Amino acid sequence: MANAPSLLGTAERVPSSTADAINAESRRELADRLRYYADDPDEIDDRLAELEREWDIERTLESLRDTAGGRR
């Protein structure tokens, strides 16, 4: 693990605070996903729709929590 200066953005801060083996696995998984979608570009729209549904659920839950007086 590298030292993590406090002024790094999330994209830099998270890997700098994570074990090298985990970062390597994350990079391998990302490369696998990129190859998958490069080979099957029709799947991209399906995945984006799936993510949009997940985000809709998250936004709804956050709204309900805020309406009920919950805090972050």
N, C-alpha and C. Protein backbone atom coordinates (compact mmCIF):
# COMPACT_ATOMS: atom_id res chain seq x y z
N MET A 1 0.84 -1.18 0.00
CA MET A 1 0.00 0.00 0.00
C MET A 1 0.88 1.24 0.00
N ALA A 2 0.49 2.20 -0.80
CA ALA A 2 1.23 3.45 -0.85
C ALA A 2 0.67 4.42 0.18
N ASN A 3 1.45 5.45 0.49
CA ASN A 3 0.93 6.50 1.37
C ASN A 3 -0.14 7.28 0.64
N ALA A 4 -1.14 7.74 1.36
CA ALA A 4 -2.27 8.43 0.75
C ALA A 4 -2.33 9.89 1.21
N PRO A 5 -1.79 10.82 0.41
CA PRO A 5 -1.94 12.22 0.78
C PRO A 5 -3.41 12.59 0.84
N SER A 6 -3.76 13.46 1.74
CA SER A 6 -5.17 13.77 1.98
C SER A 6 -5.82 14.57 0.87
N LEU A 7 -5.05 15.17 -0.05
CA LEU A 7 -5.64 16.00 -1.09
C LEU A 7 -5.92 15.25 -2.39
N LEU A 8 -5.71 13.95 -2.40
CA LEU A 8 -6.00 13.18 -3.59
C LEU A 8 -7.50 13.05 -3.80
N GLY A 9 -7.92 12.99 -5.07
CA GLY A 9 -9.31 12.71 -5.38
C GLY A 9 -9.61 11.25 -5.13
N THR A 10 -10.88 10.90 -5.16
CA THR A 10 -11.30 9.52 -4.87
C THR A 10 -10.62 8.53 -5.80
N ALA A 11 -10.50 8.87 -7.08
CA ALA A 11 -9.91 7.93 -8.04
C ALA A 11 -8.46 7.60 -7.69
N GLU A 12 -7.77 8.51 -7.05
CA GLU A 12 -6.40 8.26 -6.64
C GLU A 12 -6.32 7.78 -5.19
N ARG A 13 -7.19 8.32 -4.34
CA ARG A 13 -7.12 8.03 -2.91
C ARG A 13 -7.45 6.57 -2.60
N VAL A 14 -8.47 6.05 -3.23
CA VAL A 14 -8.87 4.67 -2.92
C VAL A 14 -7.77 3.68 -3.28
N PRO A 15 -7.21 3.71 -4.50
CA PRO A 15 -6.13 2.77 -4.79
C PRO A 15 -4.89 2.98 -3.91
N SER A 16 -4.61 4.22 -3.55
CA SER A 16 -3.42 4.46 -2.74
C SER A 16 -3.60 3.96 -1.31
N SER A 17 -4.85 3.69 -0.92
CA SER A 17 -5.15 3.19 0.43
C SER A 17 -5.50 1.71 0.43
N THR A 18 -5.32 1.06 -0.71
CA THR A 18 -5.71 -0.34 -0.87
C THR A 18 -4.48 -1.18 -1.17
N ALA A 19 -4.50 -2.40 -0.70
CA ALA A 19 -3.38 -3.31 -0.93
C ALA A 19 -3.13 -3.49 -2.43
N ASP A 20 -1.85 -3.61 -2.79
CA ASP A 20 -1.47 -3.76 -4.19
C ASP A 20 -2.15 -4.97 -4.84
N ALA A 21 -2.28 -6.08 -4.12
CA ALA A 21 -2.92 -7.28 -4.68
C ALA A 21 -4.38 -7.02 -5.02
N ILE A 22 -5.06 -6.27 -4.19
CA ILE A 22 -6.47 -5.95 -4.44
C ILE A 22 -6.57 -5.01 -5.62
N ASN A 23 -5.69 -4.01 -5.70
CA ASN A 23 -5.68 -3.12 -6.86
C ASN A 23 -5.43 -3.89 -8.15
N ALA A 24 -4.51 -4.84 -8.11
CA ALA A 24 -4.22 -5.64 -9.30
C ALA A 24 -5.44 -6.45 -9.72
N GLU A 25 -6.13 -7.05 -8.75
CA GLU A 25 -7.34 -7.81 -9.06
C GLU A 25 -8.42 -6.90 -9.63
N SER A 26 -8.57 -5.71 -9.09
CA SER A 26 -9.55 -4.75 -9.61
C SER A 26 -9.23 -4.39 -11.06
N ARG A 27 -7.94 -4.17 -11.35
CA ARG A 27 -7.55 -3.86 -12.73
C ARG A 27 -7.83 -5.02 -13.67
N ARG A 28 -7.58 -6.26 -13.19
CA ARG A 28 -7.88 -7.44 -14.02
C ARG A 28 -9.38 -7.55 -14.29
N GLU A 29 -10.18 -7.33 -13.26
CA GLU A 29 -11.64 -7.41 -13.44
C GLU A 29 -12.13 -6.33 -14.40
N LEU A 30 -11.57 -5.13 -14.29
CA LEU A 30 -11.95 -4.05 -15.21
C LEU A 30 -11.58 -4.42 -16.64
N ALA A 31 -10.38 -4.94 -16.83
CA ALA A 31 -9.95 -5.34 -18.17
C ALA A 31 -10.86 -6.43 -18.73
N ASP A 32 -11.25 -7.38 -17.88
CA ASP A 32 -12.18 -8.44 -18.31
C ASP A 32 -13.51 -7.85 -18.76
N ARG A 33 -14.04 -6.90 -17.97
CA ARG A 33 -15.32 -6.28 -18.33
C ARG A 33 -15.20 -5.49 -19.64
N LEU A 34 -14.10 -4.79 -19.80
CA LEU A 34 -13.91 -4.03 -21.04
C LEU A 34 -13.85 -4.95 -22.25
N ARG A 35 -13.14 -6.07 -22.10
CA ARG A 35 -13.09 -7.05 -23.20
C ARG A 35 -14.47 -7.62 -23.49
N TYR A 36 -15.21 -7.93 -22.42
CA TYR A 36 -16.55 -8.50 -22.59
C TYR A 36 -17.43 -7.55 -23.40
N TYR A 37 -17.47 -6.28 -23.01
CA TYR A 37 -18.33 -5.34 -23.71
C TYR A 37 -17.79 -4.97 -25.08
N ALA A 38 -16.48 -5.06 -25.29
CA ALA A 38 -15.93 -4.86 -26.63
C ALA A 38 -16.36 -5.99 -27.56
N ASP A 39 -16.42 -7.20 -27.01
CA ASP A 39 -16.84 -8.36 -27.80
C ASP A 39 -18.35 -8.44 -27.98
N ASP A 40 -19.12 -7.88 -27.03
CA ASP A 40 -20.58 -7.94 -27.05
C ASP A 40 -21.18 -6.55 -26.83
N PRO A 41 -20.97 -5.62 -27.77
CA PRO A 41 -21.43 -4.25 -27.55
C PRO A 41 -22.95 -4.11 -27.37
N ASP A 42 -23.70 -5.09 -27.86
CA ASP A 42 -25.16 -5.03 -27.67
C ASP A 42 -25.54 -5.13 -26.20
N GLU A 43 -24.66 -5.70 -25.40
CA GLU A 43 -24.91 -5.85 -23.96
C GLU A 43 -24.81 -4.51 -23.22
N ILE A 44 -24.17 -3.53 -23.83
CA ILE A 44 -23.96 -2.25 -23.15
C ILE A 44 -25.29 -1.59 -22.80
N ASP A 45 -26.21 -1.54 -23.75
CA ASP A 45 -27.51 -0.92 -23.48
C ASP A 45 -28.25 -1.64 -22.36
N ASP A 46 -28.17 -2.97 -22.34
CA ASP A 46 -28.82 -3.73 -21.27
C ASP A 46 -28.20 -3.40 -19.92
N ARG A 47 -26.88 -3.31 -19.89
CA ARG A 47 -26.21 -2.99 -18.61
C ARG A 47 -26.53 -1.58 -18.15
N LEU A 48 -26.58 -0.64 -19.08
CA LEU A 48 -26.93 0.74 -18.71
C LEU A 48 -28.36 0.82 -18.17
N ALA A 49 -29.26 0.06 -18.77
CA ALA A 49 -30.64 0.03 -18.28
C ALA A 49 -30.69 -0.57 -16.88
N GLU A 50 -29.92 -1.61 -16.65
CA GLU A 50 -29.86 -2.23 -15.33
C GLU A 50 -29.33 -1.24 -14.29
N LEU A 51 -28.28 -0.52 -14.64
CA LEU A 51 -27.73 0.49 -13.73
C LEU A 51 -28.73 1.60 -13.45
N GLU A 52 -29.45 2.01 -14.48
CA GLU A 52 -30.45 3.07 -14.30
C GLU A 52 -31.53 2.62 -13.32
N ARG A 53 -31.96 1.36 -13.41
CA ARG A 53 -32.95 0.85 -12.46
C ARG A 53 -32.38 0.85 -11.04
N GLU A 54 -31.11 0.44 -10.90
CA GLU A 54 -30.48 0.45 -9.58
C GLU A 54 -30.41 1.88 -9.03
N TRP A 55 -30.03 2.84 -9.88
CA TRP A 55 -29.93 4.23 -9.44
C TRP A 55 -31.29 4.78 -9.06
N ASP A 56 -32.34 4.39 -9.83
CA ASP A 56 -33.70 4.82 -9.49
C ASP A 56 -34.08 4.33 -8.09
N ILE A 57 -33.75 3.09 -7.80
CA ILE A 57 -34.05 2.53 -6.48
C ILE A 57 -33.28 3.29 -5.41
N GLU A 58 -32.00 3.55 -5.66
CA GLU A 58 -31.19 4.30 -4.69
C GLU A 58 -31.77 5.69 -4.44
N ARG A 59 -32.13 6.39 -5.52
CA ARG A 59 -32.70 7.73 -5.37
C ARG A 59 -34.01 7.69 -4.60
N THR A 60 -34.84 6.69 -4.87
CA THR A 60 -36.10 6.55 -4.15
C THR A 60 -35.86 6.30 -2.67
N LEU A 61 -34.94 5.40 -2.37
CA LEU A 61 -34.64 5.11 -0.96
C LEU A 61 -34.08 6.34 -0.25
N GLU A 62 -33.22 7.09 -0.92
CA GLU A 62 -32.68 8.31 -0.31
C GLU A 62 -33.78 9.34 -0.07
N SER A 63 -34.69 9.47 -1.02
CA SER A 63 -35.81 10.41 -0.86
C SER A 63 -36.70 10.00 0.30
N LEU A 64 -36.99 8.70 0.39
CA LEU A 64 -37.82 8.22 1.49
C LEU A 64 -37.13 8.44 2.83
N ARG A 65 -35.84 8.19 2.88
CA ARG A 65 -35.09 8.41 4.11
C ARG A 65 -35.12 9.88 4.50
N ASP A 66 -34.90 10.76 3.52
CA ASP A 66 -34.90 12.20 3.79
C ASP A 66 -36.29 12.66 4.22
N THR A 67 -37.33 12.13 3.61
CA THR A 67 -38.69 12.49 3.97
C THR A 67 -39.03 12.03 5.38
N ALA A 68 -38.49 10.89 5.75
CA ALA A 68 -38.76 10.33 7.08
C ALA A 68 -37.87 10.96 8.16
N GLY A 69 -37.03 11.91 7.76
CA GLY A 69 -36.19 12.58 8.73
C GLY A 69 -34.88 11.89 9.00
N GLY A 70 -34.52 10.95 8.14
CA GLY A 70 -33.24 10.25 8.33
C GLY A 70 -32.07 11.15 7.96
N ARG A 71 -30.92 10.75 8.40
CA ARG A 71 -29.71 11.53 8.10
C ARG A 71 -28.71 10.65 7.39
N ARG A 72 -27.81 11.30 6.69
CA ARG A 72 -26.71 10.60 6.02
C ARG A 72 -25.58 10.40 6.96
